[in-house]
């Protein structure tokens, strides 16, 4: 004959607690897994749309390359390379000096080290200024400076155009069968602010006369929000096929 084992209330309570803890851990892991799947799915869908956008931009902008404007800009950029290097050197020297002061202000460096760094940066700036001042043909240098400014202005204009064009094409590729618009689709995927949460303003076309077309996508607000997707940076570059 078998004897029935008597289970105490304490043992029953222990079993209930273990089952509750196991179920809680299991549900927590399921939620984490689903969140990871949601993030990966959103990144994959938007990555595909971004790649399609870059491909389509390269096709549309082929006519721009035929206009000859890109070759003109490439020549302007090459002709003003020396002046650009001087300006960049001045900018770097001044920026490094400011960073040294900020570092000292935060207590990140000793006064003697800060003074040495500022002296070195100031010396570099002084050398560049003297080099510019000793230029024999001042008129040619001014013309080169105008070319630098013109090229930068042209790049800014193309940047605005590239951002608007790439965002418009992204809307096209993220719209589902004319039933779910791009904004709703992105919100369903967990992208903060939907379409407004996608920043494509850093996209570029034929940078400085090259044949590069870059679609740069970045979202930065989602990291601090619950139930959201942080896409980080996505860069897709295409070159015009000859």
Protein backbone atom coordinates (compact mmCIF):
# COMPACT_ATOMS: atom_id res chain seq x y z
CA UNK A 1 0.00 0.00 0.00
CA UNK A 2 1.10 3.57 -0.64
CA UNK A 3 1.09 6.17 1.97
CA UNK A 4 -0.18 9.59 1.03
CA UNK A 5 2.43 12.22 1.76
CA UNK A 6 1.09 15.17 3.62
CA UNK A 7 2.22 18.51 2.21
CA UNK A 8 2.49 21.37 4.65
CA UNK A 9 1.19 24.86 4.04
CA UNK A 10 4.79 26.17 4.04
CA UNK A 11 5.74 23.85 1.20
CA UNK A 12 2.64 24.88 -0.74
CA UNK A 13 3.56 28.53 -0.25
CA UNK A 14 7.13 27.92 -1.47
CA UNK A 15 5.85 26.25 -4.65
CA UNK A 16 3.52 29.18 -5.34
CA UNK A 17 6.32 31.73 -4.86
CA UNK A 18 8.68 29.79 -7.16
CA UNK A 19 5.99 29.51 -9.84
CA UNK A 20 5.23 33.23 -9.59
CA UNK A 21 8.90 34.21 -9.87
CA UNK A 22 9.46 31.82 -12.79
CA UNK A 23 6.43 33.18 -14.63
CA UNK A 24 7.54 36.79 -14.02
CA UNK A 25 11.04 36.10 -15.34
CA UNK A 26 9.61 34.25 -18.34
CA UNK A 27 7.24 37.11 -19.21
CA UNK A 28 10.06 39.65 -18.78
CA UNK A 29 12.26 37.71 -21.22
CA UNK A 30 9.38 37.47 -23.71
CA UNK A 31 8.87 41.26 -23.57
CA UNK A 32 12.59 41.88 -24.13
CA UNK A 33 12.63 39.45 -27.06
CA UNK A 34 9.60 41.11 -28.67
CA UNK A 35 11.19 44.54 -28.22
CA UNK A 36 14.38 43.39 -29.94
CA UNK A 37 12.35 41.88 -32.80
CA UNK A 38 10.41 45.15 -33.15
CA UNK A 39 13.60 47.21 -33.30
CA UNK A 40 15.26 44.89 -35.84
CA UNK A 41 12.11 44.88 -38.00
CA UNK A 42 11.90 48.68 -38.00
CA UNK A 43 15.59 49.05 -38.82
CA UNK A 44 15.32 46.54 -41.66
CA UNK A 45 12.24 48.19 -43.23
CA UNK A 46 13.67 51.70 -43.01
CA UNK A 47 17.07 50.51 -44.19
CA UNK A 48 15.50 49.01 -47.31
CA UNK A 49 13.51 52.20 -47.94
CA UNK A 50 16.67 54.29 -47.53
CA UNK A 51 18.59 52.12 -49.99
CA UNK A 52 15.75 52.42 -52.52
CA UNK A 53 15.76 56.18 -51.99
CA UNK A 54 19.49 56.45 -52.72
CA UNK A 55 19.11 54.29 -55.84
CA UNK A 56 16.23 56.43 -57.12
CA UNK A 57 18.07 59.69 -56.36
CA UNK A 58 21.07 58.51 -58.37
CA UNK A 59 18.77 57.90 -61.35
CA UNK A 60 16.98 61.25 -61.11
CA UNK A 61 20.20 63.23 -60.63
CA UNK A 62 21.90 61.74 -63.66
CA UNK A 63 20.55 64.67 -65.67
CA UNK A 64 22.25 67.06 -63.23
CA UNK A 65 25.60 65.51 -64.05
CA UNK A 66 24.88 65.97 -67.76
CA UNK A 67 24.32 69.70 -67.24
CA UNK A 68 28.03 70.27 -66.61
CA UNK A 69 27.44 72.03 -63.27
CA UNK A 70 29.15 69.23 -61.39
CA UNK A 71 32.32 69.55 -63.49
CA UNK A 72 32.35 73.32 -62.92
CA UNK A 73 32.07 72.86 -59.16
CA UNK A 74 34.81 70.22 -59.18
CA UNK A 75 37.16 72.71 -60.90
CA UNK A 76 36.23 75.51 -58.47
CA UNK A 77 36.87 73.20 -55.53
CA UNK A 78 40.26 72.12 -56.90
CA UNK A 79 41.36 75.67 -57.73
CA UNK A 80 40.64 76.89 -54.20
CA UNK A 81 42.20 73.95 -52.32
CA UNK A 82 45.16 75.92 -50.91
CA UNK A 83 42.98 78.74 -49.62
CA UNK A 84 40.55 76.21 -48.13
CA UNK A 85 43.38 74.50 -46.25
CA UNK A 86 44.46 77.86 -44.81
CA UNK A 87 40.93 78.68 -43.66
CA UNK A 88 40.49 75.21 -42.16
CA UNK A 89 43.81 75.62 -40.36
CA UNK A 90 42.67 78.93 -38.86
CA UNK A 91 39.38 77.38 -37.80
CA UNK A 92 41.09 74.36 -36.23
CA UNK A 93 43.57 76.54 -34.33
CA UNK A 94 40.87 78.80 -32.87
CA UNK A 95 38.60 75.84 -32.05
CA UNK A 96 41.42 73.95 -30.31
CA UNK A 97 42.24 77.03 -28.23
CA UNK A 98 38.62 77.36 -27.11
CA UNK A 99 38.47 73.65 -26.25
CA UNK A 100 41.60 74.01 -24.13
CA UNK A 101 40.02 76.84 -22.16
CA UNK A 102 36.80 74.86 -21.72
CA UNK A 103 38.76 71.84 -20.51
CA UNK A 104 40.58 73.99 -17.96
CA UNK A 105 37.26 75.50 -16.86
CA UNK A 106 35.93 72.02 -16.11
CA UNK A 107 39.02 71.20 -14.09
CA UNK A 108 40.27 68.73 -16.67
CA UNK A 109 43.76 70.19 -17.03
CA UNK A 110 46.41 72.19 -15.18
CA UNK A 111 46.91 75.90 -15.89
CA UNK A 112 50.44 75.33 -17.20
CA UNK A 113 49.24 72.68 -19.66
CA UNK A 114 46.41 74.92 -20.84
CA UNK A 115 48.79 77.82 -21.43
CA UNK A 116 51.13 75.57 -23.42
CA UNK A 117 48.28 74.28 -25.58
CA UNK A 118 46.96 77.80 -26.24
CA UNK A 119 50.47 78.99 -27.17
CA UNK A 120 50.84 76.12 -29.63
CA UNK A 121 47.44 76.77 -31.18
CA UNK A 122 48.17 80.50 -31.35
CA UNK A 123 51.50 79.82 -33.03
CA UNK A 124 49.79 77.73 -35.72
CA UNK A 125 47.23 80.47 -36.34
CA UNK A 126 49.98 83.09 -36.49
CA UNK A 127 51.93 81.06 -39.07
CA UNK A 128 48.86 80.76 -41.30
CA UNK A 129 48.10 84.49 -41.01
CA UNK A 130 51.70 85.34 -41.94
CA UNK A 131 51.51 82.94 -44.88
CA UNK A 132 48.38 84.69 -46.13
CA UNK A 133 49.91 88.13 -45.56
CA UNK A 134 53.06 87.21 -47.50
CA UNK A 135 51.09 86.11 -50.57
CA UNK A 136 52.37 88.05 -53.56
CA UNK A 137 49.15 88.05 -55.56
CA UNK A 138 46.52 89.27 -53.11
CA UNK A 139 43.93 89.56 -55.86
CA UNK A 140 44.30 85.89 -56.76
CA UNK A 141 43.97 84.94 -53.07
CA UNK A 142 40.78 86.98 -52.74
CA UNK A 143 39.38 85.33 -55.86
CA UNK A 144 40.21 81.95 -54.37
CA UNK A 145 38.48 82.97 -51.13
CA UNK A 146 35.38 83.92 -53.13
CA UNK A 147 35.48 80.49 -54.77
CA UNK A 148 35.61 78.83 -51.35
CA UNK A 149 32.62 80.86 -50.16
CA UNK A 150 30.72 80.18 -53.39
CA UNK A 151 31.38 76.46 -53.17
CA UNK A 152 30.22 76.31 -49.55
CA UNK A 153 27.07 78.25 -50.38
CA UNK A 154 26.35 75.93 -53.30
CA UNK A 155 26.85 72.91 -51.01
CA UNK A 156 24.35 74.33 -48.51
CA UNK A 157 21.78 74.82 -51.27
CA UNK A 158 22.31 71.30 -52.59
CA UNK A 159 22.05 69.98 -49.03
CA UNK A 160 18.59 71.49 -48.59
CA UNK A 161 17.53 70.04 -51.93
CA UNK A 162 18.95 66.59 -51.11
CA UNK A 163 17.22 66.54 -47.72
CA UNK A 164 13.84 67.46 -49.21
CA UNK A 165 14.18 65.03 -52.12
CA UNK A 166 15.32 62.10 -49.97
CA UNK A 167 12.52 62.66 -47.44
CA UNK A 168 9.95 62.79 -50.23
CA UNK A 169 11.20 59.51 -51.67
CA UNK A 170 11.24 57.93 -48.19
CA UNK A 171 7.55 58.80 -47.85
CA UNK A 172 6.91 56.99 -51.13
CA UNK A 173 8.79 53.85 -50.10
CA UNK A 174 7.30 53.67 -46.58
CA UNK A 175 3.68 54.05 -47.67
CA UNK A 176 1.85 50.70 -47.73
CA UNK A 177 -0.48 50.24 -50.72
CA UNK A 178 -2.00 53.72 -50.31
CA UNK A 179 -3.82 52.36 -47.22
CA UNK A 180 -1.32 53.15 -44.47
CA UNK A 181 0.55 56.42 -44.96
CA UNK A 182 4.24 56.85 -44.11
CA UNK A 183 3.63 58.70 -40.83
CA UNK A 184 1.27 56.06 -39.46
CA UNK A 185 3.56 53.25 -40.62
CA UNK A 186 6.53 54.76 -38.79
CA UNK A 187 4.51 55.34 -35.62
CA UNK A 188 3.30 51.73 -35.73
CA UNK A 189 6.95 50.67 -35.88
CA UNK A 190 7.69 52.77 -32.78
CA UNK A 191 9.48 55.72 -34.40
CA UNK A 192 8.99 58.83 -32.26
CA UNK A 193 7.03 61.59 -34.06
CA UNK A 194 6.58 59.38 -37.10
CA UNK A 195 7.72 61.09 -40.29
CA UNK A 196 8.90 64.16 -38.35
CA UNK A 197 11.19 61.85 -36.37
CA UNK A 198 13.29 61.09 -39.45
CA UNK A 199 16.10 63.57 -40.02
CA UNK A 200 17.48 63.48 -43.57
CA UNK A 201 18.85 67.03 -43.60
CA UNK A 202 22.47 65.83 -43.76
CA UNK A 203 21.96 64.04 -47.07
CA UNK A 204 24.13 65.29 -49.92
CA UNK A 205 24.47 65.07 -53.70
CA UNK A 206 27.68 65.29 -55.70
CA UNK A 207 29.63 66.72 -52.75
CA UNK A 208 32.25 69.24 -53.87
CA UNK A 209 31.97 68.09 -57.47
CA UNK A 210 32.43 64.37 -56.76
CA UNK A 211 30.03 61.68 -57.98
CA UNK A 212 28.88 60.67 -54.50
CA UNK A 213 25.20 60.73 -53.52
CA UNK A 214 24.66 60.20 -49.80
CA UNK A 215 21.39 59.62 -47.96
CA UNK A 216 22.02 60.11 -44.25
CA UNK A 217 19.19 59.21 -41.88
CA UNK A 218 19.35 59.95 -38.18
CA UNK A 219 16.91 59.79 -35.28
CA UNK A 220 17.96 60.91 -31.82
CA UNK A 221 14.81 61.33 -29.72
CA UNK A 222 13.77 57.70 -29.34
CA UNK A 223 16.49 56.60 -26.93
CA UNK A 224 14.87 58.25 -23.92
CA UNK A 225 11.31 57.17 -24.66
CA UNK A 226 9.46 53.99 -23.74
CA UNK A 227 8.03 51.72 -26.46
CA UNK A 228 10.12 53.48 -29.07
CA UNK A 229 12.75 52.68 -31.64
CA UNK A 230 16.10 54.45 -31.87
CA UNK A 231 17.32 54.00 -35.43
CA UNK A 232 20.64 55.72 -34.86
CA UNK A 233 22.52 56.71 -38.01
CA UNK A 234 22.01 55.16 -41.41
CA UNK A 235 24.23 56.17 -44.33
CA UNK A 236 23.72 54.89 -47.87
CA UNK A 237 26.07 56.15 -50.58
CA UNK A 238 25.71 55.67 -54.32
CA UNK A 239 28.01 56.64 -57.15
CA UNK A 240 26.91 57.56 -60.62
CA UNK A 241 27.57 54.71 -63.00
CA UNK A 242 29.54 55.71 -66.03
